[in-house]
Amino acid sequence: MANIKSAEKRILISQRNYDMNRAVRSFMRTSIKKFQLAVADGNKENAEKYLTDAFSSIDKAAKKGVIHKNQANRRKARLHKSLAAM
């Protein structure tokens, strides 16, 4: 355990940030999985709806610094490519 007050504070802050980042990442992954399930079922209407949700969650994660902006663009490109292949 930390002996210095500032170190104790940093531990609390880093734990809070970890929890927030994990929640954002989990929400992003869930929205991507919903889209992928819609694509696997062949339901294009649902896939298009879930695609916009997935794009939104990916952009939010990139904006908050949870993932890199290039990773966000790469993920969105791959999702869009899978929709176009339907």
C-alpha atoms as a PDB file:
ATOM      1  CA  MET A   1       0.000   0.000   0.000  1.00  0.00           C
ATOM      2  CA  ALA A   2       1.111   3.544  -0.722  1.00  0.00           C
ATOM      3  CA  ASN A   3       2.637   5.582   2.091  1.00  0.00           C
ATOM      4  CA  ILE A   4       2.325   8.991   0.463  1.00  0.00           C
ATOM      5  CA  LYS A   5      -1.022  10.764   0.251  1.00  0.00           C
ATOM      6  CA  SER A   6      -0.607  11.683  -3.427  1.00  0.00           C
ATOM      7  CA  ALA A   7       0.187   8.055  -4.261  1.00  0.00           C
ATOM      8  CA  GLU A   8      -2.974   6.937  -2.466  1.00  0.00           C
ATOM      9  CA  LYS A   9      -4.954   9.459  -4.502  1.00  0.00           C
ATOM     10  CA  ARG A  10      -3.403   8.235  -7.752  1.00  0.00           C
ATOM     11  CA  ILE A  11      -4.421   4.667  -6.876  1.00  0.00           C
ATOM     12  CA  LEU A  12      -8.028   5.771  -6.380  1.00  0.00           C
ATOM     13  CA  ILE A  13      -8.057   7.806  -9.597  1.00  0.00           C
ATOM     14  CA  SER A  14      -6.498   5.046 -11.677  1.00  0.00           C
ATOM     15  CA  GLN A  15      -9.029   2.526 -10.324  1.00  0.00           C
ATOM     16  CA  ARG A  16     -11.899   4.883 -11.174  1.00  0.00           C
ATOM     17  CA  ASN A  17     -10.544   5.415 -14.693  1.00  0.00           C
ATOM     18  CA  TYR A  18     -10.065   1.670 -15.129  1.00  0.00           C
ATOM     19  CA  ASP A  19     -13.682   1.022 -14.175  1.00  0.00           C
ATOM     20  CA  MET A  20     -14.985   3.728 -16.515  1.00  0.00           C
ATOM     21  CA  ASN A  21     -12.834   2.562 -19.432  1.00  0.00           C
ATOM     22  CA  ARG A  22     -13.916  -1.014 -18.862  1.00  0.00           C
ATOM     23  CA  ALA A  23     -17.586  -0.025 -18.950  1.00  0.00           C
ATOM     24  CA  VAL A  24     -17.127   1.900 -22.214  1.00  0.00           C
ATOM     25  CA  ARG A  25     -15.194  -0.976 -23.781  1.00  0.00           C
ATOM     26  CA  SER A  26     -17.815  -3.507 -22.665  1.00  0.00           C
ATOM     27  CA  PHE A  27     -20.654  -1.432 -24.126  1.00  0.00           C
ATOM     28  CA  MET A  28     -18.734  -1.084 -27.397  1.00  0.00           C
ATOM     29  CA  ARG A  29     -18.090  -4.811 -27.651  1.00  0.00           C
ATOM     30  CA  THR A  30     -21.716  -5.630 -26.869  1.00  0.00           C
ATOM     31  CA  SER A  31     -22.987  -3.345 -29.622  1.00  0.00           C
ATOM     32  CA  ILE A  32     -20.526  -4.880 -32.092  1.00  0.00           C
ATOM     33  CA  LYS A  33     -21.661  -8.407 -31.151  1.00  0.00           C
ATOM     34  CA  LYS A  34     -25.320  -7.455 -31.660  1.00  0.00           C
ATOM     35  CA  PHE A  35     -24.443  -6.245 -35.159  1.00  0.00           C
ATOM     36  CA  GLN A  36     -22.473  -9.398 -35.930  1.00  0.00           C
ATOM     37  CA  LEU A  37     -25.363 -11.598 -34.790  1.00  0.00           C
ATOM     38  CA  ALA A  38     -27.748  -9.677 -37.046  1.00  0.00           C
ATOM     39  CA  VAL A  39     -25.361 -10.173 -39.973  1.00  0.00           C
ATOM     40  CA  ALA A  40     -25.040 -13.880 -39.185  1.00  0.00           C
ATOM     41  CA  ASP A  41     -28.843 -14.212 -39.139  1.00  0.00           C
ATOM     42  CA  GLY A  42     -29.042 -12.433 -42.483  1.00  0.00           C
ATOM     43  CA  ASN A  43     -31.406  -9.744 -41.189  1.00  0.00           C
ATOM     44  CA  LYS A  44     -30.302  -6.647 -43.099  1.00  0.00           C
ATOM     45  CA  GLU A  45     -32.753  -4.212 -41.458  1.00  0.00           C
ATOM     46  CA  ASN A  46     -31.585  -5.085 -37.956  1.00  0.00           C
ATOM     47  CA  ALA A  47     -27.973  -5.126 -39.099  1.00  0.00           C
ATOM     48  CA  GLU A  48     -28.247  -1.566 -40.408  1.00  0.00           C
ATOM     49  CA  LYS A  49     -29.831  -0.429 -37.151  1.00  0.00           C
ATOM     50  CA  TYR A  50     -27.157  -2.135 -35.051  1.00  0.00           C
ATOM     51  CA  LEU A  51     -24.436  -0.781 -37.335  1.00  0.00           C
ATOM     52  CA  THR A  52     -25.289   2.804 -36.415  1.00  0.00           C
ATOM     53  CA  ASP A  53     -25.294   1.843 -32.720  1.00  0.00           C
ATOM     54  CA  ALA A  54     -21.927   0.125 -33.105  1.00  0.00           C
ATOM     55  CA  PHE A  55     -20.459   3.132 -34.944  1.00  0.00           C
ATOM     56  CA  SER A  56     -21.706   5.420 -32.201  1.00  0.00           C
ATOM     57  CA  SER A  57     -20.209   3.335 -29.408  1.00  0.00           C
ATOM     58  CA  ILE A  58     -16.902   2.966 -31.256  1.00  0.00           C
ATOM     59  CA  ASP A  59     -16.695   6.722 -31.810  1.00  0.00           C
ATOM     60  CA  LYS A  60     -17.475   7.394 -28.149  1.00  0.00           C
ATOM     61  CA  ALA A  61     -14.751   4.999 -27.050  1.00  0.00           C
ATOM     62  CA  ALA A  62     -12.249   6.692 -29.366  1.00  0.00           C
ATOM     63  CA  LYS A  63     -13.293  10.141 -28.179  1.00  0.00           C
ATOM     64  CA  LYS A  64     -12.770   9.141 -24.557  1.00  0.00           C
ATOM     65  CA  GLY A  65      -9.355   7.637 -25.329  1.00  0.00           C
ATOM     66  CA  VAL A  66     -10.346   4.053 -24.541  1.00  0.00           C
ATOM     67  CA  ILE A  67      -9.240   2.967 -28.021  1.00  0.00           C
ATOM     68  CA  HIS A  68      -7.037   4.713 -30.562  1.00  0.00           C
ATOM     69  CA  LYS A  69      -8.708   6.654 -33.368  1.00  0.00           C
ATOM     70  CA  ASN A  70      -7.058   4.470 -36.014  1.00  0.00           C
ATOM     71  CA  GLN A  71      -8.372   1.350 -34.284  1.00  0.00           C
ATOM     72  CA  ALA A  72     -11.831   2.912 -34.264  1.00  0.00           C
ATOM     73  CA  ASN A  73     -11.635   3.606 -37.996  1.00  0.00           C
ATOM     74  CA  ARG A  74     -10.375   0.101 -38.677  1.00  0.00           C
ATOM     75  CA  ARG A  75     -13.195  -1.488 -36.678  1.00  0.00           C
ATOM     76  CA  LYS A  76     -15.824   0.641 -38.422  1.00  0.00           C
ATOM     77  CA  ALA A  77     -14.408  -0.213 -41.844  1.00  0.00           C
ATOM     78  CA  ARG A  78     -14.518  -3.934 -41.103  1.00  0.00           C
ATOM     79  CA  LEU A  79     -18.094  -3.735 -39.821  1.00  0.00           C
ATOM     80  CA  HIS A  80     -19.218  -1.770 -42.864  1.00  0.00           C
ATOM     81  CA  LYS A  81     -17.456  -4.244 -45.139  1.00  0.00           C
ATOM     82  CA  SER A  82     -19.315  -7.161 -43.527  1.00  0.00           C
ATOM     83  CA  LEU A  83     -22.635  -5.361 -44.044  1.00  0.00           C
ATOM     84  CA  ALA A  84     -21.811  -4.707 -47.697  1.00  0.00           C
ATOM     85  CA  ALA A  85     -20.981  -8.383 -48.184  1.00  0.00           C
ATOM     86  CA  MET A  86     -24.527  -9.394 -47.154  1.00  0.00           C
END
